[in-house]
Amino acid sequence: MLDQDGAGAARYLPAGAPLPMGALPVIVADSTVYGMVRVEQLLQIWPADLPRPYLITVADAPAGPPPAARYRIRALGGRLAGAAQVPYLPVLRTVGDPSESMDHQDVVAAAAKLRRHLELEGN
């Protein structure tokens, strides 16, 4: 779930737990074909009483997603509240905890861009 307080954190929703008022569900996946197949499978069982989730894809290579992954993202668009992409950031492969990456300028810039994108789509 996206952090509504603006502290820059997110939290997991345990299975079967009610969604708090105003919370926005988010799916984060690799921008690979396998990642998009798993997102499609998740959306097939997405509960009708939950709001449509945002999809955030994370690039796993310095190239764009493969054509089959891009196709699936477009095809799933109607089931999503929106979609955003996080670019390939090599430092993410070297940290043990996400908070360690916030010392790197590229990560801070990507996080700010992602937050702006999600805020614009949420309005």
Protein backbone atom coordinates (compact mmCIF):
# COMPACT_ATOMS: atom_id res chain seq x y z
CA MET A 1 0.00 0.00 0.00
CA LEU A 2 1.29 3.46 -0.77
CA ASP A 3 2.19 5.63 2.16
CA GLN A 4 -0.54 8.23 2.58
CA ASP A 5 1.41 10.14 5.25
CA GLY A 6 4.16 11.14 2.84
CA ALA A 7 6.94 9.60 4.93
CA GLY A 8 8.23 7.70 1.90
CA ALA A 9 7.36 4.25 3.21
CA ALA A 10 5.01 1.56 2.02
CA ARG A 11 3.61 -1.42 3.84
CA TYR A 12 2.31 -4.84 2.99
CA LEU A 13 -1.31 -5.80 3.43
CA PRO A 14 -1.52 -9.24 5.06
CA ALA A 15 -3.68 -11.79 3.27
CA GLY A 16 -7.31 -11.45 4.30
CA ALA A 17 -6.80 -8.14 6.11
CA PRO A 18 -9.25 -5.32 5.34
CA LEU A 19 -7.93 -2.46 3.25
CA PRO A 20 -7.72 0.72 5.37
CA MET A 21 -9.77 3.71 4.19
CA GLY A 22 -7.91 5.75 1.62
CA ALA A 23 -5.16 3.16 1.07
CA LEU A 24 -3.98 2.56 -2.48
CA PRO A 25 -2.99 -1.01 -3.37
CA VAL A 26 0.22 -1.30 -5.41
CA ILE A 27 1.70 -4.24 -7.29
CA VAL A 28 5.46 -4.11 -7.84
CA ALA A 29 6.92 -6.48 -10.43
CA ASP A 30 9.97 -6.98 -12.63
CA SER A 31 9.44 -5.72 -16.16
CA THR A 32 10.07 -9.20 -17.55
CA VAL A 33 7.60 -11.41 -19.38
CA TYR A 34 7.50 -13.70 -16.33
CA GLY A 35 6.81 -10.71 -14.07
CA MET A 36 3.91 -9.60 -16.24
CA VAL A 37 2.49 -13.15 -16.43
CA ARG A 38 2.47 -13.22 -12.61
CA VAL A 39 0.77 -9.79 -12.50
CA GLU A 40 -1.87 -11.06 -14.92
CA GLN A 41 -2.45 -14.12 -12.71
CA LEU A 42 -2.78 -11.92 -9.63
CA LEU A 43 -5.27 -9.61 -11.36
CA GLN A 44 -7.39 -12.61 -12.37
CA ILE A 45 -8.02 -13.34 -8.70
CA TRP A 46 -8.11 -9.69 -7.55
CA PRO A 47 -11.08 -9.24 -5.18
CA ALA A 48 -13.86 -7.14 -6.69
CA ASP A 49 -14.30 -5.25 -3.42
CA LEU A 50 -10.74 -3.88 -3.53
CA PRO A 51 -9.86 -0.83 -5.62
CA ARG A 52 -7.89 -1.37 -8.79
CA PRO A 53 -4.16 -1.43 -7.99
CA TYR A 54 -1.32 0.63 -9.42
CA LEU A 55 1.32 -1.37 -11.27
CA ILE A 56 4.94 -0.39 -10.79
CA THR A 57 7.38 -2.24 -13.00
CA VAL A 58 11.06 -2.26 -12.13
CA ALA A 59 13.54 -2.61 -14.98
CA ASP A 60 15.99 -5.46 -14.46
CA ALA A 61 18.29 -4.43 -17.31
CA PRO A 62 19.37 -1.16 -18.95
CA ALA A 63 17.02 -1.91 -21.87
CA GLY A 64 13.26 -1.51 -22.07
CA PRO A 65 10.85 -4.35 -21.32
CA PRO A 66 10.61 -7.08 -23.97
CA PRO A 67 7.76 -6.70 -26.48
CA ALA A 68 5.66 -9.45 -24.86
CA ALA A 69 5.93 -7.70 -21.46
CA ARG A 70 4.97 -4.32 -22.97
CA TYR A 71 1.97 -5.95 -24.65
CA ARG A 72 0.79 -7.47 -21.37
CA ILE A 73 1.15 -4.14 -19.56
CA ARG A 74 -1.05 -2.46 -22.20
CA ALA A 75 -3.55 -5.34 -22.18
CA LEU A 76 -3.88 -5.18 -18.39
CA GLY A 77 -4.38 -1.41 -18.38
CA GLY A 78 -8.15 -1.63 -17.88
CA ARG A 79 -7.69 -3.58 -14.66
CA LEU A 80 -5.21 -1.10 -13.21
CA ALA A 81 -5.57 2.32 -11.61
CA GLY A 82 -2.38 3.28 -13.42
CA ALA A 83 1.11 2.11 -14.25
CA ALA A 84 4.59 3.49 -13.76
CA GLN A 85 8.06 2.24 -14.53
CA VAL A 86 11.18 2.45 -12.39
CA PRO A 87 14.30 2.56 -14.58
CA TYR A 88 17.23 0.18 -14.24
CA LEU A 89 19.24 1.29 -11.21
CA PRO A 90 22.41 -0.82 -10.77
CA VAL A 91 22.75 0.20 -7.11
CA LEU A 92 19.53 -1.70 -6.28
CA ARG A 93 21.41 -4.93 -6.99
CA THR A 94 24.08 -4.10 -4.39
CA VAL A 95 22.08 -3.20 -1.29
CA GLY A 96 20.77 -5.51 1.40
CA ASP A 97 17.98 -3.16 2.48
CA PRO A 98 16.04 -0.64 0.36
CA SER A 99 16.82 2.18 2.80
CA GLU A 100 20.54 1.80 1.96
CA SER A 101 19.83 2.82 -1.62
CA MET A 102 18.41 6.20 -0.60
CA ASP A 103 21.97 7.50 -0.23
CA HIS A 104 22.37 7.36 -4.03
CA GLN A 105 21.35 10.33 -6.14
CA ASP A 106 19.91 8.20 -8.98
CA VAL A 107 17.62 6.34 -6.60
CA VAL A 108 16.44 9.52 -4.89
CA ALA A 109 15.66 11.07 -8.29
CA ALA A 110 13.79 7.96 -9.48
CA ALA A 111 11.80 7.82 -6.22
CA ALA A 112 10.79 11.48 -6.54
CA LYS A 113 9.76 10.98 -10.17
CA LEU A 114 7.72 7.90 -9.26
CA ARG A 115 5.98 9.72 -6.40
CA ARG A 116 5.07 12.67 -8.71
CA HIS A 117 3.76 10.26 -11.34
CA LEU A 118 1.56 8.43 -8.83
CA GLU A 119 0.30 11.68 -7.31
CA LEU A 120 -0.67 13.00 -10.76
CA GLU A 121 -2.52 9.80 -11.65
CA GLY A 122 -4.24 9.76 -8.26
CA ASN A 123 -5.84 13.17 -8.86
